[in-house]
Amino acid sequence: MKSYRKELWFEIKKRRELINITPDINLALKESEIKEGLVLVNAMHITASVFINDDESGLHRDFEDWLEKLAPEKPYSQYRHNGFEDNADAHLKRTVMGREVVVAVTNGKLDFGPWEQIFYGEFDGKRKKRVLVKIIGE
């Protein structure tokens, strides 16, 4: 069995951002030369998420609205965590959206259902962030 590891780095310009990283994962898969196996993609930050869904702008706005209702950013004083940092809401949003995804690799391609794409969701950005890609198989 072979394994391949790659880090993806992103310069996040806003506090919250959703990035379709499917092209980056496809490139890593090609570089790995693995034809059958699994791809693990996980956020390497406690205030970020990796998830699978549709790449549709209305849905992305719905995620933002829904997450903000569940864990509003402000007032910062509503959270016990906030003190030195003001990112308690980002921790909660990450918990809801998840840390990682695992996708099957079949014939050298991500084995997706219709419309599925991989996203990096950042909830406390404005700095450089990274994602780990680990591919195992033959």
C-alpha atoms as a PDB file:
ATOM      1  CA  MET A   1       0.000   0.000   0.000  1.00  0.00           C
ATOM      2  CA  LYS A   2       1.218   3.508  -0.835  1.00  0.00           C
ATOM      3  CA  SER A   3       0.555   6.714   1.056  1.00  0.00           C
ATOM      4  CA  TYR A   4       0.831  10.338   0.032  1.00  0.00           C
ATOM      5  CA  ARG A   5       0.699  13.470   2.196  1.00  0.00           C
ATOM      6  CA  LYS A   6       0.258  17.072   1.128  1.00  0.00           C
ATOM      7  CA  GLU A   7      -0.568  20.317   2.908  1.00  0.00           C
ATOM      8  CA  LEU A   8      -2.695  22.956   1.227  1.00  0.00           C
ATOM      9  CA  TRP A   9      -2.176  26.522   2.443  1.00  0.00           C
ATOM     10  CA  PHE A  10      -4.690  29.338   2.107  1.00  0.00           C
ATOM     11  CA  GLU A  11      -4.408  33.042   2.843  1.00  0.00           C
ATOM     12  CA  ILE A  12      -7.840  33.734   4.298  1.00  0.00           C
ATOM     13  CA  LYS A  13      -8.758  37.384   3.812  1.00  0.00           C
ATOM     14  CA  LYS A  14     -12.092  37.472   5.678  1.00  0.00           C
ATOM     15  CA  ARG A  15     -13.215  36.163   9.063  1.00  0.00           C
ATOM     16  CA  ARG A  16     -15.464  33.577   7.401  1.00  0.00           C
ATOM     17  CA  GLU A  17     -14.932  32.031   4.008  1.00  0.00           C
ATOM     18  CA  LEU A  18     -15.942  28.893   2.097  1.00  0.00           C
ATOM     19  CA  ILE A  19     -13.436  27.652  -0.483  1.00  0.00           C
ATOM     20  CA  ASN A  20     -14.053  24.865  -2.977  1.00  0.00           C
ATOM     21  CA  ILE A  21     -10.864  22.805  -2.659  1.00  0.00           C
ATOM     22  CA  THR A  22     -11.945  19.972  -4.969  1.00  0.00           C
ATOM     23  CA  PRO A  23      -9.479  21.007  -7.720  1.00  0.00           C
ATOM     24  CA  ASP A  24      -6.642  20.974  -5.152  1.00  0.00           C
ATOM     25  CA  ILE A  25      -7.659  17.494  -3.954  1.00  0.00           C
ATOM     26  CA  ASN A  26      -7.864  16.240  -7.551  1.00  0.00           C
ATOM     27  CA  LEU A  27      -4.337  17.553  -8.167  1.00  0.00           C
ATOM     28  CA  ALA A  28      -3.027  15.846  -5.021  1.00  0.00           C
ATOM     29  CA  LEU A  29      -4.691  12.604  -6.101  1.00  0.00           C
ATOM     30  CA  LYS A  30      -3.025  12.825  -9.515  1.00  0.00           C
ATOM     31  CA  GLU A  31       0.357  13.524  -7.877  1.00  0.00           C
ATOM     32  CA  SER A  32      -0.083  10.491  -5.606  1.00  0.00           C
ATOM     33  CA  GLU A  33      -0.591   8.123  -8.567  1.00  0.00           C
ATOM     34  CA  ILE A  34      -2.972   6.115  -6.361  1.00  0.00           C
ATOM     35  CA  LYS A  35      -5.797   4.528  -8.357  1.00  0.00           C
ATOM     36  CA  GLU A  36      -7.771   2.688  -5.645  1.00  0.00           C
ATOM     37  CA  GLY A  37      -7.983   3.800  -2.032  1.00  0.00           C
ATOM     38  CA  LEU A  38      -9.114   6.611   0.227  1.00  0.00           C
ATOM     39  CA  VAL A  39      -8.500  10.337   0.527  1.00  0.00           C
ATOM     40  CA  LEU A  40      -8.653  11.980   3.959  1.00  0.00           C
ATOM     41  CA  VAL A  41      -8.963  15.769   3.940  1.00  0.00           C
ATOM     42  CA  ASN A  42      -8.944  17.560   7.273  1.00  0.00           C
ATOM     43  CA  ALA A  43      -8.715  21.076   8.591  1.00  0.00           C
ATOM     44  CA  MET A  44      -5.595  21.691  10.651  1.00  0.00           C
ATOM     45  CA  HIS A  45      -7.191  24.486  12.673  1.00  0.00           C
ATOM     46  CA  ILE A  46      -9.755  24.191  15.466  1.00  0.00           C
ATOM     47  CA  THR A  47     -11.854  27.015  13.988  1.00  0.00           C
ATOM     48  CA  ALA A  48     -12.102  25.553  10.481  1.00  0.00           C
ATOM     49  CA  SER A  49     -13.978  22.753   8.778  1.00  0.00           C
ATOM     50  CA  VAL A  50     -13.794  20.460   5.776  1.00  0.00           C
ATOM     51  CA  PHE A  51     -17.106  19.210   4.432  1.00  0.00           C
ATOM     52  CA  ILE A  52     -18.807  17.942   1.279  1.00  0.00           C
ATOM     53  CA  ASN A  53     -21.761  19.663  -0.325  1.00  0.00           C
ATOM     54  CA  ASP A  54     -23.016  21.420  -3.453  1.00  0.00           C
ATOM     55  CA  ASP A  55     -21.101  24.393  -4.895  1.00  0.00           C
ATOM     56  CA  GLU A  56     -24.062  26.746  -5.126  1.00  0.00           C
ATOM     57  CA  SER A  57     -23.845  30.370  -3.962  1.00  0.00           C
ATOM     58  CA  GLY A  58     -27.352  30.466  -2.464  1.00  0.00           C
ATOM     59  CA  LEU A  59     -26.558  27.408  -0.380  1.00  0.00           C
ATOM     60  CA  HIS A  60     -23.311  29.012   0.790  1.00  0.00           C
ATOM     61  CA  ARG A  61     -25.244  32.080   1.982  1.00  0.00           C
ATOM     62  CA  ASP A  62     -27.725  29.727   3.692  1.00  0.00           C
ATOM     63  CA  PHE A  63     -24.824  28.071   5.557  1.00  0.00           C
ATOM     64  CA  GLU A  64     -23.598  31.486   6.684  1.00  0.00           C
ATOM     65  CA  ASP A  65     -27.053  32.583   7.874  1.00  0.00           C
ATOM     66  CA  TRP A  66     -27.787  29.266   9.598  1.00  0.00           C
ATOM     67  CA  LEU A  67     -24.433  29.099  11.361  1.00  0.00           C
ATOM     68  CA  GLU A  68     -24.740  32.707  12.495  1.00  0.00           C
ATOM     69  CA  LYS A  69     -28.140  31.916  14.029  1.00  0.00           C
ATOM     70  CA  LEU A  70     -26.710  28.866  15.827  1.00  0.00           C
ATOM     71  CA  ALA A  71     -23.553  30.597  17.079  1.00  0.00           C
ATOM     72  CA  PRO A  72     -23.634  34.361  16.500  1.00  0.00           C
ATOM     73  CA  GLU A  73     -20.266  36.079  16.422  1.00  0.00           C
ATOM     74  CA  LYS A  74     -21.435  39.004  18.567  1.00  0.00           C
ATOM     75  CA  PRO A  75     -21.809  40.032  21.268  1.00  0.00           C
ATOM     76  CA  TYR A  76     -18.439  38.550  22.177  1.00  0.00           C
ATOM     77  CA  SER A  77     -19.394  38.709  25.861  1.00  0.00           C
ATOM     78  CA  GLN A  78     -21.960  35.917  25.440  1.00  0.00           C
ATOM     79  CA  TYR A  79     -19.173  33.312  25.404  1.00  0.00           C
ATOM     80  CA  ARG A  80     -17.035  32.209  28.345  1.00  0.00           C
ATOM     81  CA  HIS A  81     -14.201  31.273  25.950  1.00  0.00           C
ATOM     82  CA  ASN A  82     -13.802  34.822  24.692  1.00  0.00           C
ATOM     83  CA  GLY A  83     -11.148  36.778  26.531  1.00  0.00           C
ATOM     84  CA  PHE A  84      -7.803  36.977  24.797  1.00  0.00           C
ATOM     85  CA  GLU A  85      -9.502  35.850  21.571  1.00  0.00           C
ATOM     86  CA  ASP A  86     -12.975  36.561  20.222  1.00  0.00           C
ATOM     87  CA  ASN A  87     -13.515  33.307  18.337  1.00  0.00           C
ATOM     88  CA  ALA A  88     -15.772  31.121  20.485  1.00  0.00           C
ATOM     89  CA  ASP A  89     -18.402  31.221  17.748  1.00  0.00           C
ATOM     90  CA  ALA A  90     -15.847  29.867  15.260  1.00  0.00           C
ATOM     91  CA  HIS A  91     -15.148  26.844  17.488  1.00  0.00           C
ATOM     92  CA  LEU A  92     -18.861  26.093  17.685  1.00  0.00           C
ATOM     93  CA  LYS A  93     -19.379  26.517  13.930  1.00  0.00           C
ATOM     94  CA  ARG A  94     -16.523  24.110  13.245  1.00  0.00           C
ATOM     95  CA  THR A  95     -18.100  21.522  15.536  1.00  0.00           C
ATOM     96  CA  VAL A  96     -21.344  21.683  13.565  1.00  0.00           C
ATOM     97  CA  MET A  97     -19.691  21.555  10.120  1.00  0.00           C
ATOM     98  CA  GLY A  98     -17.145  18.849  10.948  1.00  0.00           C
ATOM     99  CA  ARG A  99     -13.390  18.419  10.917  1.00  0.00           C
ATOM    100  CA  GLU A 100     -12.729  16.142   7.940  1.00  0.00           C
ATOM    101  CA  VAL A 101     -14.018  14.083   5.050  1.00  0.00           C
ATOM    102  CA  VAL A 102     -12.996  10.727   3.637  1.00  0.00           C
ATOM    103  CA  VAL A 103     -13.657  10.054  -0.045  1.00  0.00           C
ATOM    104  CA  ALA A 104     -13.215   6.787  -1.933  1.00  0.00           C
ATOM    105  CA  VAL A 105     -10.800   6.716  -4.858  1.00  0.00           C
ATOM    106  CA  THR A 106     -11.885   4.557  -7.807  1.00  0.00           C
ATOM    107  CA  ASN A 107      -9.959   4.343 -11.073  1.00  0.00           C
ATOM    108  CA  GLY A 108      -7.820   7.297 -10.000  1.00  0.00           C
ATOM    109  CA  LYS A 109     -10.783   9.620  -9.406  1.00  0.00           C
ATOM    110  CA  LEU A 110     -12.719  10.883  -6.412  1.00  0.00           C
ATOM    111  CA  ASP A 111     -15.799   8.655  -6.200  1.00  0.00           C
ATOM    112  CA  PHE A 112     -18.438  11.354  -5.653  1.00  0.00           C
ATOM    113  CA  GLY A 113     -22.194  11.389  -5.839  1.00  0.00           C
ATOM    114  CA  PRO A 114     -23.913  13.977  -8.035  1.00  0.00           C
ATOM    115  CA  TRP A 115     -22.962  17.594  -7.243  1.00  0.00           C
ATOM    116  CA  GLU A 116     -20.574  16.674  -4.429  1.00  0.00           C
ATOM    117  CA  GLN A 117     -17.582  18.954  -3.917  1.00  0.00           C
ATOM    118  CA  ILE A 118     -15.095  19.344  -1.046  1.00  0.00           C
ATOM    119  CA  PHE A 119     -15.007  22.642   0.825  1.00  0.00           C
ATOM    120  CA  TYR A 120     -12.763  24.301   3.348  1.00  0.00           C
ATOM    121  CA  GLY A 121     -14.848  26.394   5.725  1.00  0.00           C
ATOM    122  CA  GLU A 122     -12.998  29.032   7.722  1.00  0.00           C
ATOM    123  CA  PHE A 123     -14.745  30.689  10.658  1.00  0.00           C
ATOM    124  CA  ASP A 124     -11.870  32.703  12.187  1.00  0.00           C
ATOM    125  CA  GLY A 125      -9.699  33.758   9.276  1.00  0.00           C
ATOM    126  CA  LYS A 126      -7.702  36.822   8.308  1.00  0.00           C
ATOM    127  CA  ARG A 127      -4.497  34.791   8.309  1.00  0.00           C
ATOM    128  CA  LYS A 128      -2.754  31.828   6.701  1.00  0.00           C
ATOM    129  CA  LYS A 129      -4.463  28.452   7.252  1.00  0.00           C
ATOM    130  CA  ARG A 130      -3.838  24.885   6.111  1.00  0.00           C
ATOM    131  CA  VAL A 131      -5.530  21.618   5.216  1.00  0.00           C
ATOM    132  CA  LEU A 132      -3.996  18.147   5.361  1.00  0.00           C
ATOM    133  CA  VAL A 133      -4.542  15.721   2.479  1.00  0.00           C
ATOM    134  CA  LYS A 134      -3.618  12.084   3.150  1.00  0.00           C
ATOM    135  CA  ILE A 135      -4.142   9.512   0.404  1.00  0.00           C
ATOM    136  CA  ILE A 136      -3.681   5.775   0.929  1.00  0.00           C
ATOM    137  CA  GLY A 137      -4.148   2.898  -1.478  1.00  0.00           C
ATOM    138  CA  GLU A 138      -2.672   1.211  -4.512  1.00  0.00           C
END
